[in-house]
């Protein structure tokens, strides 16, 4: 019973975070990690995540349209 609940918990979070495209999830994680890495320097890092969204959203849409 506990294992089935843990599996359901894992399945929910995997589906919520990764969803349909694991490439976009990796891109978001990479953008967050690079932003975190840059944040310790004097270089402004706030723009990196919006830039990643600007790049990843059309990529995701292109892949969705291409496969359907």
Protein backbone atom coordinates (compact mmCIF):
# COMPACT_ATOMS: atom_id res chain seq x y z
CA UNK A 1 0.00 0.00 0.00
CA UNK A 2 2.80 2.42 0.84
CA UNK A 3 4.71 1.53 -2.30
CA UNK A 4 1.67 2.11 -4.50
CA UNK A 5 1.16 5.55 -2.93
CA UNK A 6 4.83 6.42 -3.42
CA UNK A 7 4.60 5.31 -7.05
CA UNK A 8 1.47 7.41 -7.55
CA UNK A 9 3.24 10.40 -5.95
CA UNK A 10 6.24 9.92 -8.25
CA UNK A 11 4.03 9.48 -11.32
CA UNK A 12 2.13 12.67 -10.54
CA UNK A 13 5.28 14.80 -10.14
CA UNK A 14 6.95 13.25 -13.19
CA UNK A 15 3.88 13.98 -15.32
CA UNK A 16 3.54 17.48 -13.85
CA UNK A 17 7.18 18.48 -14.34
CA UNK A 18 8.17 16.59 -17.46
CA UNK A 19 4.76 16.42 -19.10
CA UNK A 20 4.81 15.70 -22.80
CA UNK A 21 8.29 16.89 -23.71
CA UNK A 22 11.31 16.00 -21.62
CA UNK A 23 13.49 18.27 -23.76
CA UNK A 24 11.64 21.37 -22.57
CA UNK A 25 11.89 20.19 -18.96
CA UNK A 26 15.67 19.79 -19.36
CA UNK A 27 15.85 23.26 -20.91
CA UNK A 28 13.99 24.82 -17.99
CA UNK A 29 16.17 23.03 -15.45
CA UNK A 30 19.29 24.13 -17.34
CA UNK A 31 18.09 27.75 -17.46
CA UNK A 32 17.37 27.72 -13.73
CA UNK A 33 20.76 26.15 -12.96
CA UNK A 34 22.62 28.66 -15.12
CA UNK A 35 20.66 31.52 -13.55
CA UNK A 36 21.59 30.21 -10.11
CA UNK A 37 25.23 29.95 -11.17
CA UNK A 38 25.32 33.47 -12.58
CA UNK A 39 23.47 34.98 -9.61
CA UNK A 40 26.58 34.86 -7.46
CA UNK A 41 28.45 37.17 -9.81
CA UNK A 42 27.92 40.84 -10.51
CA UNK A 43 26.37 39.99 -13.91
CA UNK A 44 22.54 40.38 -13.94
CA UNK A 45 20.87 36.97 -14.26
CA UNK A 46 17.17 37.88 -14.24
CA UNK A 47 16.88 37.82 -18.04
CA UNK A 48 17.99 34.22 -18.55
CA UNK A 49 14.74 32.43 -17.65
CA UNK A 50 12.54 34.69 -19.83
CA UNK A 51 15.01 34.19 -22.68
CA UNK A 52 14.78 30.43 -22.20
CA UNK A 53 10.99 30.64 -22.37
CA UNK A 54 11.22 32.69 -25.58
CA UNK A 55 13.38 29.94 -27.09
CA UNK A 56 11.70 26.86 -25.63
CA UNK A 57 8.06 27.77 -26.27
CA UNK A 58 8.35 28.03 -30.08
CA UNK A 59 10.49 24.88 -30.08
CA UNK A 60 7.82 23.00 -28.16
CA UNK A 61 5.05 24.29 -30.42
CA UNK A 62 7.05 23.40 -33.54
CA UNK A 63 7.52 19.85 -32.28
CA UNK A 64 3.82 19.52 -31.40
CA UNK A 65 2.64 20.78 -34.78
CA UNK A 66 5.18 18.67 -36.66
CA UNK A 67 4.07 15.42 -35.02
CA UNK A 68 0.33 15.96 -35.47
